[in-house]
N, C-alpha and C. Protein backbone atom coordinates (compact mmCIF):
# COMPACT_ATOMS: atom_id res chain seq x y z
N MET A 1 -78.37 64.45 41.20
CA MET A 1 -79.36 65.28 40.77
C MET A 1 -78.97 66.46 40.98
N GLN A 2 -78.68 67.52 40.31
CA GLN A 2 -78.28 68.86 40.62
C GLN A 2 -79.43 69.87 40.63
N ARG A 3 -79.24 70.45 41.68
CA ARG A 3 -80.27 71.96 41.59
C ARG A 3 -79.82 73.07 41.08
N ARG A 4 -80.88 73.77 40.08
CA ARG A 4 -80.60 74.81 39.48
C ARG A 4 -80.43 76.04 40.40
N GLY A 5 -79.58 76.98 40.03
CA GLY A 5 -79.27 78.25 40.82
C GLY A 5 -78.35 78.26 41.91
N LYS A 6 -78.31 76.91 42.48
CA LYS A 6 -77.24 76.56 43.72
C LYS A 6 -76.20 75.67 43.41
N ALA A 7 -75.00 76.03 43.66
CA ALA A 7 -73.81 75.31 43.28
C ALA A 7 -73.84 74.08 44.63
N THR A 8 -73.23 72.95 43.92
CA THR A 8 -73.17 71.84 44.90
C THR A 8 -72.04 72.10 45.80
N LEU A 9 -72.05 71.05 46.67
CA LEU A 9 -70.87 71.01 47.78
C LEU A 9 -69.67 70.53 46.71
N TYR A 10 -69.60 69.69 45.97
CA TYR A 10 -68.42 69.30 45.25
C TYR A 10 -67.92 70.53 44.35
N GLU A 11 -68.81 71.51 43.68
CA GLU A 11 -68.51 72.42 42.95
C GLU A 11 -67.69 73.54 43.97
N LEU A 12 -68.44 73.70 45.11
CA LEU A 12 -67.54 74.68 46.08
C LEU A 12 -66.26 74.28 46.44
N MET A 13 -66.19 72.97 46.71
CA MET A 13 -64.88 72.42 46.93
C MET A 13 -64.01 72.75 45.68
N ARG A 14 -64.36 72.62 44.75
CA ARG A 14 -63.53 72.83 43.57
C ARG A 14 -63.07 73.95 43.13
N LYS A 15 -63.93 75.07 43.69
CA LYS A 15 -63.52 76.42 43.33
C LYS A 15 -62.61 76.90 44.68
N GLY A 16 -62.51 76.49 45.80
CA GLY A 16 -61.90 76.85 46.88
C GLY A 16 -60.48 76.20 46.38
N ILE A 17 -60.04 75.18 45.63
CA ILE A 17 -58.65 74.60 45.64
C ILE A 17 -57.89 75.37 44.52
N GLY A 18 -56.70 75.88 44.75
CA GLY A 18 -56.08 76.57 43.87
C GLY A 18 -56.21 78.11 43.84
N ASP A 19 -57.34 78.70 44.60
CA ASP A 19 -57.47 79.99 44.54
C ASP A 19 -56.27 80.84 45.44
N PRO A 20 -55.93 81.77 45.32
CA PRO A 20 -54.95 82.37 45.92
C PRO A 20 -55.30 82.99 47.13
N ALA A 21 -54.75 82.94 48.45
CA ALA A 21 -55.22 83.42 49.53
C ALA A 21 -55.22 84.84 49.40
N PRO A 22 -56.30 85.60 49.90
CA PRO A 22 -56.33 86.88 49.84
C PRO A 22 -55.28 87.53 50.94
N SER A 23 -54.51 88.62 50.32
CA SER A 23 -53.63 89.15 51.07
C SER A 23 -54.16 90.30 52.03
N ARG A 24 -53.46 90.49 53.18
CA ARG A 24 -53.71 91.26 54.21
C ARG A 24 -52.56 92.71 54.05
N SER A 25 -53.53 93.54 54.03
CA SER A 25 -52.71 94.95 53.91
C SER A 25 -52.16 95.29 55.28
N THR A 26 -50.94 95.91 55.24
CA THR A 26 -50.13 96.32 56.31
C THR A 26 -50.12 97.50 56.74
N GLY A 27 -50.98 98.37 55.63
CA GLY A 27 -51.28 100.09 56.11
C GLY A 27 -50.06 100.71 55.70
N GLY A 28 -48.81 99.99 55.09
CA GLY A 28 -48.07 101.01 54.68
C GLY A 28 -47.64 100.69 53.13
N GLY A 29 -48.72 100.24 52.43
CA GLY A 29 -48.56 100.24 51.00
C GLY A 29 -48.00 98.94 50.53
N PHE A 30 -47.73 98.13 51.22
CA PHE A 30 -47.26 96.91 50.84
C PHE A 30 -47.92 95.75 51.55
N SER A 31 -48.21 94.57 50.85
CA SER A 31 -49.10 93.65 51.36
C SER A 31 -48.06 92.47 52.17
N VAL A 32 -48.44 91.78 53.08
CA VAL A 32 -47.65 90.70 53.81
C VAL A 32 -47.83 89.38 52.58
N GLY A 33 -46.62 88.95 52.35
CA GLY A 33 -46.95 87.87 51.34
C GLY A 33 -46.55 88.19 50.11
N SER A 34 -46.50 89.61 49.61
CA SER A 34 -46.53 89.73 48.53
C SER A 34 -45.08 89.79 47.92
N GLY A 35 -44.11 89.64 48.70
CA GLY A 35 -42.61 89.54 48.08
C GLY A 35 -42.08 90.93 48.00
N ALA A 36 -42.76 92.12 48.39
CA ALA A 36 -42.33 93.51 48.08
C ALA A 36 -41.05 93.84 49.43
N ILE A 37 -40.04 94.54 49.18
CA ILE A 37 -39.01 94.78 50.09
C ILE A 37 -39.14 96.21 50.43
N GLU A 38 -39.05 96.30 51.66
CA GLU A 38 -39.08 97.78 52.03
C GLU A 38 -37.92 98.61 51.68
N PRO A 39 -38.30 99.85 51.19
CA PRO A 39 -37.19 100.53 50.50
C PRO A 39 -36.06 101.19 51.71
N ARG A 40 -34.86 101.35 51.47
CA ARG A 40 -33.73 101.61 52.31
C ARG A 40 -34.03 103.21 52.32
N ARG A 41 -33.32 103.69 53.64
CA ARG A 41 -33.47 105.21 53.66
C ARG A 41 -32.10 105.91 53.92
N PRO A 42 -31.67 106.29 52.61
CA PRO A 42 -30.21 106.80 52.58
C PRO A 42 -30.09 108.27 53.37
N TRP A 43 -31.20 108.90 53.65
CA TRP A 43 -31.15 110.14 54.50
C TRP A 43 -30.09 110.21 55.55
N LYS A 44 -30.22 108.96 56.35
CA LYS A 44 -29.43 108.85 57.63
C LYS A 44 -27.83 108.86 57.45
N ALA A 45 -27.42 108.34 56.32
CA ALA A 45 -25.95 108.32 55.73
C ALA A 45 -25.38 109.83 55.35
N TRP A 46 -26.58 110.34 54.78
CA TRP A 46 -26.19 111.74 54.31
C TRP A 46 -26.22 112.79 55.54
N ALA A 47 -26.95 112.64 56.41
CA ALA A 47 -27.08 113.25 57.49
C ALA A 47 -25.57 113.22 58.11
N LEU A 48 -25.21 111.89 58.61
CA LEU A 48 -24.15 111.76 59.42
C LEU A 48 -22.96 112.33 58.75
N LEU A 49 -22.92 112.21 57.12
CA LEU A 49 -21.63 112.64 56.22
C LEU A 49 -21.54 114.16 56.49
N GLY A 50 -22.81 115.02 56.41
CA GLY A 50 -23.09 116.33 56.75
C GLY A 50 -22.44 116.70 58.09
N ALA A 51 -22.92 116.42 59.25
CA ALA A 51 -22.32 116.33 60.42
C ALA A 51 -20.83 116.51 60.43
N LEU A 52 -20.06 115.28 59.65
CA LEU A 52 -18.68 115.27 59.76
C LEU A 52 -17.98 116.57 59.24
N VAL A 53 -18.59 116.71 58.01
CA VAL A 53 -18.09 117.90 57.27
C VAL A 53 -18.37 119.00 57.93
N ALA A 54 -19.42 119.50 58.75
CA ALA A 54 -19.61 120.49 59.45
C ALA A 54 -18.41 120.92 60.55
N VAL A 55 -18.08 119.71 61.16
CA VAL A 55 -17.05 119.60 62.30
C VAL A 55 -15.85 119.93 61.73
N ALA A 56 -15.65 119.21 60.58
CA ALA A 56 -14.29 119.75 59.77
C ALA A 56 -13.84 121.10 59.37
N VAL A 57 -15.10 121.59 59.23
CA VAL A 57 -15.03 123.23 58.60
C VAL A 57 -14.52 123.91 59.93
N VAL A 58 -15.33 123.66 61.03
CA VAL A 58 -15.26 124.59 62.22
C VAL A 58 -13.78 124.21 62.97
N VAL A 59 -13.42 123.19 62.79
CA VAL A 59 -11.77 122.89 63.07
C VAL A 59 -10.77 123.73 62.40
N VAL A 60 -10.87 123.69 61.02
CA VAL A 60 -10.22 124.42 60.36
C VAL A 60 -10.11 125.90 60.32
N GLY A 61 -11.45 126.31 60.44
CA GLY A 61 -11.63 127.72 60.90
C GLY A 61 -11.26 128.10 62.16
N ILE A 62 -11.13 127.62 63.23
CA ILE A 62 -10.36 127.86 64.37
C ILE A 62 -8.79 127.82 64.02
N VAL A 63 -8.22 126.73 63.46
CA VAL A 63 -6.82 126.77 63.27
C VAL A 63 -6.37 128.15 62.49
N LEU A 64 -7.34 128.33 61.33
CA LEU A 64 -6.74 129.54 60.55
C LEU A 64 -6.96 130.90 61.46
N TRP A 65 -7.75 130.92 62.39
CA TRP A 65 -8.05 132.20 63.14
C TRP A 65 -6.82 132.37 63.94
N ARG A 66 -6.31 131.12 64.66
CA ARG A 66 -5.27 131.52 65.58
C ARG A 66 -4.03 131.75 64.80
N ASP A 67 -3.89 131.19 63.83
CA ASP A 67 -2.46 131.68 62.78
C ASP A 67 -2.65 132.93 62.47
N GLY A 68 -3.78 133.54 62.07
CA GLY A 68 -3.78 134.97 61.97
C GLY A 68 -3.58 135.76 63.02
N SER A 69 -4.01 135.32 64.07
CA SER A 69 -3.79 136.17 65.46
C SER A 69 -2.36 136.08 65.70
N SER A 70 -1.81 135.19 65.59
CA SER A 70 -0.36 135.35 65.82
C SER A 70 0.70 135.90 65.07
N THR A 71 0.19 135.76 63.80
CA THR A 71 0.97 136.67 62.56
C THR A 71 0.70 138.11 62.69
N SER A 72 -0.52 138.68 63.20
CA SER A 72 -1.03 140.02 63.57
C SER A 72 -0.11 140.59 64.66
N SER A 73 0.08 139.69 65.67
CA SER A 73 0.80 140.11 66.84
C SER A 73 2.22 140.33 66.80
N ALA A 74 2.74 139.36 65.92
CA ALA A 74 4.32 139.52 65.45
C ALA A 74 4.55 140.88 64.60
N SER A 75 3.65 141.21 63.66
CA SER A 75 3.71 142.21 62.62
C SER A 75 3.73 143.68 63.68
N LYS A 76 3.35 143.42 64.89
CA LYS A 76 3.00 144.72 65.78
C LYS A 76 4.21 145.14 66.49
N VAL A 77 5.27 144.28 66.58
CA VAL A 77 6.34 144.29 67.41
C VAL A 77 7.11 145.49 66.77
N PRO A 78 7.51 146.63 67.55
CA PRO A 78 8.18 147.57 67.08
C PRO A 78 9.58 147.37 66.61
N SER A 79 10.23 147.80 65.64
CA SER A 79 11.53 147.63 65.13
C SER A 79 12.48 148.78 65.40
N ALA A 80 13.67 148.65 65.97
CA ALA A 80 14.59 149.75 65.79
C ALA A 80 14.61 150.56 64.47
N PRO A 81 14.70 151.97 64.73
CA PRO A 81 14.94 152.46 63.17
C PRO A 81 16.21 152.20 62.85
N SER A 82 16.39 152.16 61.27
CA SER A 82 17.38 151.65 60.63
C SER A 82 18.76 152.58 60.81
N GLY A 83 18.59 153.83 61.14
CA GLY A 83 19.45 154.72 61.27
C GLY A 83 20.12 154.66 62.87
N ALA A 84 19.16 154.24 63.73
CA ALA A 84 19.67 154.17 65.09
C ALA A 84 20.86 153.54 65.67
N ALA A 85 21.59 154.30 66.23
CA ALA A 85 22.78 153.66 66.74
C ALA A 85 22.73 152.71 68.14
N ALA A 86 23.13 151.66 67.94
CA ALA A 86 22.85 150.80 69.09
C ALA A 86 23.80 151.33 70.40
N PRO A 87 23.16 151.13 71.56
CA PRO A 87 23.82 151.67 72.88
C PRO A 87 25.37 150.79 72.90
N GLN A 88 26.33 151.61 73.32
CA GLN A 88 27.51 151.01 73.33
C GLN A 88 27.72 150.75 74.81
N PRO A 89 28.39 149.53 75.39
CA PRO A 89 28.62 149.24 76.88
C PRO A 89 29.93 150.15 77.31
N ALA A 90 29.62 150.20 78.50
CA ALA A 90 30.68 151.19 79.32
C ALA A 90 31.98 150.59 79.18
N ALA A 91 33.14 151.60 79.09
CA ALA A 91 34.62 151.29 78.86
C ALA A 91 34.88 150.45 80.19
N LYS A 92 35.67 149.44 80.13
CA LYS A 92 35.94 148.71 81.07
C LYS A 92 36.89 149.36 82.02
N GLY A 93 36.38 149.16 83.41
CA GLY A 93 37.09 149.99 84.50
C GLY A 93 36.22 151.60 84.82
N THR A 94 35.41 151.87 84.05
CA THR A 94 34.53 153.09 84.02
C THR A 94 33.27 152.81 84.95
N PRO A 95 32.97 153.30 86.06
CA PRO A 95 31.83 153.20 86.70
C PRO A 95 30.55 153.61 85.99
N ALA A 96 29.39 152.99 86.02
CA ALA A 96 28.40 153.49 85.52
C ALA A 96 27.90 154.72 85.86
N SER A 97 27.84 154.97 87.29
CA SER A 97 27.76 156.39 87.71
C SER A 97 28.36 157.25 87.57
N GLY A 98 29.86 157.31 87.10
CA GLY A 98 30.84 158.20 86.78
C GLY A 98 31.08 158.76 85.70
N PRO A 99 31.59 159.77 85.47
CA PRO A 99 31.75 160.34 84.34
C PRO A 99 32.77 159.70 83.12
N ALA A 100 32.30 159.71 81.98
CA ALA A 100 33.05 158.97 80.98
C ALA A 100 34.42 159.41 80.86
N LEU A 101 35.36 158.65 80.76
CA LEU A 101 36.72 159.36 80.32
C LEU A 101 36.92 160.15 79.16
N SER A 102 36.03 159.53 78.10
CA SER A 102 36.10 160.43 77.11
C SER A 102 35.34 161.95 77.09
N GLN A 103 34.75 162.22 78.18
CA GLN A 103 34.14 163.36 78.36
C GLN A 103 34.99 164.21 79.45
N ALA A 104 36.46 163.81 79.47
CA ALA A 104 37.15 164.58 80.23
C ALA A 104 37.45 165.92 79.92
N LYS A 105 37.78 166.76 80.81
CA LYS A 105 38.28 168.25 80.62
C LYS A 105 39.42 168.21 79.72
N PRO A 106 39.55 169.45 79.06
CA PRO A 106 40.84 169.52 78.46
C PRO A 106 41.83 169.92 79.29
N ALA A 107 43.01 169.24 78.59
CA ALA A 107 44.39 169.58 79.52
C ALA A 107 44.50 171.05 80.11
N LEU A 108 45.28 171.46 81.09
CA LEU A 108 45.38 172.88 81.89
C LEU A 108 47.02 172.78 81.66
N PRO A 109 47.36 173.98 81.46
CA PRO A 109 48.79 174.21 81.47
C PRO A 109 49.43 173.93 82.84
N ALA A 110 50.79 174.12 83.03
CA ALA A 110 51.34 173.80 84.26
C ALA A 110 51.00 174.99 85.38
N ALA A 111 50.85 174.39 86.36
CA ALA A 111 50.45 175.60 87.51
C ALA A 111 51.45 176.68 87.60
N ALA A 112 51.31 177.74 88.05
CA ALA A 112 52.16 178.67 88.61
C ALA A 112 52.68 178.51 89.68
N GLY A 113 53.74 178.92 90.31
CA GLY A 113 54.60 178.81 91.40
C GLY A 113 53.56 179.30 92.39
N GLY A 114 53.83 179.04 93.67
CA GLY A 114 53.08 179.64 94.70
C GLY A 114 51.97 178.49 95.39
N ASP A 115 51.20 178.97 96.44
CA ASP A 115 50.43 178.17 97.20
C ASP A 115 48.93 178.62 96.99
N PRO A 116 47.83 178.15 96.13
CA PRO A 116 46.73 178.84 95.89
C PRO A 116 45.91 178.83 97.15
N ARG A 117 46.09 178.07 98.44
CA ARG A 117 45.30 177.60 99.29
C ARG A 117 44.86 178.99 100.15
N LYS A 118 43.80 179.10 100.87
CA LYS A 118 43.24 180.25 101.46
C LYS A 118 42.74 179.30 102.89
N ALA A 119 43.14 179.80 103.91
CA ALA A 119 42.71 179.55 105.24
C ALA A 119 41.08 179.38 105.51
N GLY A 120 40.75 178.05 106.26
CA GLY A 120 39.45 178.27 106.36
C GLY A 120 38.52 177.55 105.38
N LEU A 121 39.29 176.85 104.06
CA LEU A 121 38.62 176.33 103.31
C LEU A 121 39.14 174.88 103.24
N ASN A 122 38.19 173.85 102.80
CA ASN A 122 38.83 172.64 102.44
C ASN A 122 39.28 172.33 101.20
N TYR A 123 40.31 171.62 101.12
CA TYR A 123 41.07 170.94 99.98
C TYR A 123 40.99 169.69 99.80
N LEU A 124 40.98 169.11 98.33
CA LEU A 124 41.05 167.68 98.24
C LEU A 124 42.56 167.29 97.98
N VAL A 125 43.00 166.53 98.96
CA VAL A 125 44.27 165.92 99.17
C VAL A 125 44.36 164.56 98.38
N VAL A 126 45.32 164.70 97.29
CA VAL A 126 45.18 163.50 96.43
C VAL A 126 46.37 162.49 97.05
N LEU A 127 47.44 163.22 97.19
CA LEU A 127 48.62 162.42 97.49
C LEU A 127 49.50 163.35 98.60
N THR A 128 50.13 162.50 99.42
CA THR A 128 51.41 162.99 100.02
C THR A 128 52.50 162.40 100.21
N GLY A 129 53.48 162.85 99.58
CA GLY A 129 54.83 162.04 99.72
C GLY A 129 56.05 162.73 99.02
N ALA A 130 57.04 162.15 98.39
CA ALA A 130 58.00 162.87 97.98
C ALA A 130 57.78 163.96 96.86
N THR A 131 58.52 164.77 96.87
CA THR A 131 58.61 165.80 95.75
C THR A 131 58.56 165.29 94.33
N ALA A 132 59.37 164.47 93.92
CA ALA A 132 59.15 163.98 92.61
C ALA A 132 58.44 163.15 92.21
N PRO A 133 57.50 162.16 92.77
CA PRO A 133 56.32 161.70 92.45
C PRO A 133 55.04 162.47 92.54
N ALA A 134 55.26 163.70 93.25
CA ALA A 134 54.17 164.64 93.49
C ALA A 134 54.20 165.37 92.28
N GLY A 135 55.21 165.79 91.92
CA GLY A 135 55.31 166.51 90.49
C GLY A 135 54.89 165.78 89.51
N GLU A 136 55.12 164.52 89.26
CA GLU A 136 54.61 163.74 88.22
C GLU A 136 53.35 163.67 88.31
N LEU A 137 52.72 163.45 89.60
CA LEU A 137 51.19 163.36 89.46
C LEU A 137 50.33 164.41 89.20
N THR A 138 50.94 165.53 89.61
CA THR A 138 50.49 167.07 89.52
C THR A 138 50.43 167.19 87.86
N ALA A 139 51.63 167.10 86.95
CA ALA A 139 51.32 167.19 85.53
C ALA A 139 50.47 166.25 85.05
N PHE A 140 50.34 164.76 85.58
CA PHE A 140 49.32 164.08 84.96
C PHE A 140 47.76 164.37 85.31
N LEU A 141 47.78 164.85 86.34
CA LEU A 141 46.02 165.43 86.40
C LEU A 141 45.96 166.74 85.91
N ARG A 142 46.95 167.66 85.65
CA ARG A 142 46.47 168.87 84.89
C ARG A 142 46.42 168.41 83.73
N GLY A 143 47.07 167.22 82.93
CA GLY A 143 47.04 166.92 81.65
C GLY A 143 45.64 166.17 81.37
N LYS A 144 44.90 165.68 82.63
CA LYS A 144 43.57 165.25 82.47
C LYS A 144 42.47 166.31 82.66
N GLY A 145 42.83 167.74 82.77
CA GLY A 145 41.96 168.71 82.83
C GLY A 145 41.50 169.10 84.39
N LEU A 146 42.28 168.20 85.28
CA LEU A 146 42.13 168.68 86.69
C LEU A 146 42.95 169.84 86.92
N ASP A 147 42.35 171.09 87.86
CA ASP A 147 43.47 171.90 88.70
C ASP A 147 44.05 171.49 89.59
N ALA A 148 45.26 170.68 89.31
CA ALA A 148 45.80 170.24 90.46
C ALA A 148 47.16 170.96 90.74
N TRP A 149 47.48 171.03 92.05
CA TRP A 149 48.57 171.82 92.36
C TRP A 149 49.58 170.87 93.42
N GLN A 150 50.80 171.21 93.21
CA GLN A 150 51.65 170.76 94.35
C GLN A 150 52.28 171.73 95.18
N VAL A 151 51.90 171.61 96.41
CA VAL A 151 52.15 172.53 97.82
C VAL A 151 53.12 171.74 98.63
N SER A 152 53.72 172.51 99.59
CA SER A 152 54.48 171.73 100.87
C SER A 152 53.62 171.09 101.49
N GLY A 153 54.37 169.88 102.43
CA GLY A 153 53.45 169.17 102.98
C GLY A 153 53.59 169.61 104.31
N ASN A 154 53.17 168.93 105.43
CA ASN A 154 53.38 169.07 106.91
C ASN A 154 55.01 168.85 107.31
N ASN A 155 55.58 168.19 106.61
CA ASN A 155 56.93 167.72 107.30
C ASN A 155 57.91 168.32 105.83
N ALA A 156 58.96 168.58 106.27
CA ALA A 156 59.90 168.95 105.54
C ALA A 156 60.51 167.70 104.60
N GLY A 157 60.65 168.07 103.27
CA GLY A 157 61.08 167.31 102.01
C GLY A 157 59.63 166.33 101.60
N LEU A 158 58.48 166.75 101.98
CA LEU A 158 57.52 166.16 101.55
C LEU A 158 56.55 166.94 101.12
N SER A 159 55.78 166.82 99.90
CA SER A 159 54.91 167.42 99.27
C SER A 159 53.38 167.01 99.13
N LYS A 160 52.54 167.86 98.97
CA LYS A 160 50.85 167.52 98.73
C LYS A 160 50.48 167.67 97.21
N VAL A 161 49.59 166.94 96.68
CA VAL A 161 49.27 167.20 95.63
C VAL A 161 47.54 167.51 95.84
N ILE A 162 47.16 168.74 95.67
CA ILE A 162 45.67 169.31 95.90
C ILE A 162 45.06 169.26 94.63
N VAL A 163 43.76 169.25 94.77
CA VAL A 163 42.96 169.74 93.38
C VAL A 163 42.01 170.65 93.68
N LEU A 164 41.96 171.65 93.10
CA LEU A 164 40.98 172.84 93.38
C LEU A 164 39.33 172.27 92.33
N PRO A 165 38.53 173.13 92.53
CA PRO A 165 38.30 174.09 93.50
C PRO A 165 38.24 173.76 94.93
N ALA A 166 38.00 174.69 95.97
CA ALA A 166 37.91 174.35 97.30
C ALA A 166 36.54 174.23 97.56
N SER A 167 36.22 173.70 98.93
CA SER A 167 35.25 173.47 99.25
C SER A 167 34.77 173.88 100.76
N THR A 168 33.65 174.66 100.76
CA THR A 168 33.46 175.35 102.50
C THR A 168 33.37 174.02 103.56
N THR A 169 32.80 172.91 102.97
CA THR A 169 32.33 171.85 103.87
C THR A 169 33.03 170.67 103.70
N GLY A 170 33.43 170.53 102.50
CA GLY A 170 34.17 169.03 102.21
C GLY A 170 33.30 168.18 101.87
N SER A 171 31.92 168.15 101.95
CA SER A 171 30.90 166.91 101.98
C SER A 171 29.71 167.50 101.03
N ASP A 172 29.73 168.59 100.46
CA ASP A 172 28.48 168.81 99.37
C ASP A 172 28.65 168.21 98.27
N GLN A 173 27.50 168.33 97.38
CA GLN A 173 27.50 167.57 96.16
C GLN A 173 28.76 167.88 95.31
N ALA A 174 29.26 169.20 94.84
CA ALA A 174 30.27 169.59 94.26
C ALA A 174 31.63 168.88 94.72
N ALA A 175 31.59 168.75 96.14
CA ALA A 175 32.97 167.98 96.50
C ALA A 175 33.00 166.57 96.28
N GLU A 176 32.00 165.84 96.34
CA GLU A 176 31.68 164.57 95.83
C GLU A 176 31.74 164.42 94.53
N THR A 177 31.53 165.33 93.42
CA THR A 177 31.82 164.93 92.29
C THR A 177 33.11 165.08 91.81
N LEU A 178 33.96 166.24 92.43
CA LEU A 178 35.32 166.07 92.30
C LEU A 178 35.87 165.10 92.82
N LYS A 179 35.65 164.41 93.87
CA LYS A 179 36.35 163.14 94.21
C LYS A 179 36.10 162.05 93.41
N ASN A 180 34.84 162.03 92.80
CA ASN A 180 34.72 160.96 91.70
C ASN A 180 35.42 160.78 90.46
N GLN A 181 35.88 162.15 90.26
CA GLN A 181 36.70 162.48 88.83
C GLN A 181 38.00 162.12 89.22
N VAL A 182 38.55 162.36 90.21
CA VAL A 182 39.94 162.16 90.70
C VAL A 182 40.09 160.58 90.74
N LYS A 183 38.98 159.96 91.46
CA LYS A 183 38.98 158.28 91.62
C LYS A 183 39.00 157.60 89.90
N ASP A 184 38.29 158.55 89.03
CA ASP A 184 38.45 157.73 87.74
C ASP A 184 39.62 157.93 87.03
N ILE A 185 40.42 159.31 87.11
CA ILE A 185 41.56 159.30 86.50
C ILE A 185 42.70 158.45 87.39
N GLY A 186 42.48 158.36 88.83
CA GLY A 186 43.35 157.82 89.31
C GLY A 186 43.59 155.96 88.92
N ARG A 187 42.58 155.59 88.45
CA ARG A 187 42.64 154.20 87.85
C ARG A 187 43.62 154.25 86.72
N LEU A 188 43.70 155.27 85.75
CA LEU A 188 44.51 155.46 84.71
C LEU A 188 46.02 155.77 85.19
N TRP A 189 46.32 156.46 86.10
CA TRP A 189 47.42 156.82 86.76
C TRP A 189 48.00 155.45 87.26
N LYS A 190 47.21 154.71 88.00
CA LYS A 190 47.61 153.43 88.60
C LYS A 190 48.49 152.66 87.59
N ALA A 191 47.64 152.67 86.07
CA ALA A 191 47.95 151.82 85.05
C ALA A 191 49.21 152.14 84.47
N THR A 192 49.75 153.42 84.48
CA THR A 192 50.76 154.04 83.93
C THR A 192 52.15 153.40 84.43
N LYS A 193 52.24 152.99 85.81
CA LYS A 193 53.53 152.43 86.33
C LYS A 193 52.95 151.60 87.19
N ALA A 194 53.70 150.73 87.58
CA ALA A 194 53.92 149.80 88.69
C ALA A 194 54.02 150.57 90.03
N GLY A 195 53.21 150.25 90.93
CA GLY A 195 53.43 150.92 92.39
C GLY A 195 52.63 152.24 92.57
N ASN A 196 52.07 152.91 91.16
CA ASN A 196 51.28 154.22 91.57
C ASN A 196 49.94 153.69 92.22
N PRO A 197 49.48 154.43 93.26
CA PRO A 197 48.39 154.29 93.67
C PRO A 197 47.15 154.74 92.87
N ASP A 198 45.99 154.30 93.18
CA ASP A 198 44.54 154.65 92.27
C ASP A 198 44.01 155.82 93.00
N LEU A 199 44.56 156.51 93.84
CA LEU A 199 43.99 157.55 94.27
C LEU A 199 42.72 157.48 94.86
N SER A 200 42.23 156.12 95.20
CA SER A 200 40.91 156.21 95.66
C SER A 200 40.83 156.76 97.28
N ASP A 201 42.09 156.82 97.77
CA ASP A 201 41.83 157.23 99.37
C ASP A 201 41.98 158.98 99.38
N CYS A 202 41.79 159.72 98.29
CA CYS A 202 41.93 161.00 98.49
C CYS A 202 40.82 161.29 99.38
N TYR A 203 41.00 162.66 100.10
CA TYR A 203 40.29 163.26 101.23
C TYR A 203 40.22 164.75 101.45
N TYR A 204 39.38 165.24 102.07
CA TYR A 204 39.45 166.80 102.16
C TYR A 204 40.09 167.13 103.69
N GLU A 205 40.70 168.26 103.45
CA GLU A 205 41.51 168.75 104.44
C GLU A 205 41.32 170.36 104.68
N LYS A 206 40.95 170.75 105.77
CA LYS A 206 40.93 172.12 106.10
C LYS A 206 42.14 172.98 106.19
N PHE A 207 42.67 173.65 105.24
CA PHE A 207 43.73 174.48 105.42
C PHE A 207 43.58 175.38 106.42
N LYS A 208 44.68 175.58 107.43
CA LYS A 208 44.59 176.53 108.59
C LYS A 208 45.53 177.81 108.20
N GLY A 209 46.30 177.63 107.19
CA GLY A 209 47.20 178.91 107.03
C GLY A 209 48.56 178.80 107.55
């Protein structure tokens, strides 16, 4: 017997069989058990790629900046003028502090006879020896622009070769300069013939008259 308006237990049981279970909402727009797949998030890959590109740009910028700085420094190095002559090395045998042989004085004529010395003054004695070698040295020194004279020596048969000007002290700056000039030319005198001295032992001697 069936009551009107009310479903029987049998009918309720039939309605419950086969009905889909209600889905539960997860709050994210997708329901559990519905078979939907959560979408991927590609922005992470793009962010990583952008960071790598930024690092590469910074590294390239630093390299280019260093290359530009080195090129600019090299371009600022002053170069010698094209018309400037390069300094020439000193001639072999010529001291750096002494006068160059190319700047020697012009040759002097042969000395007149006599003795130019005056008592009380100091004269640079270049050589004391036999008359013939003294005459040769006197002519050689005068040919190099030095005022050389051949005078009598202290002993008979010997001659002295002196170079003017005289000095009051024999140790002033002018006296030292004359000494250096004689030593420079003395190296040439030594090279002209074997046995010639280089005149490096020249000295000042006061003439007593």
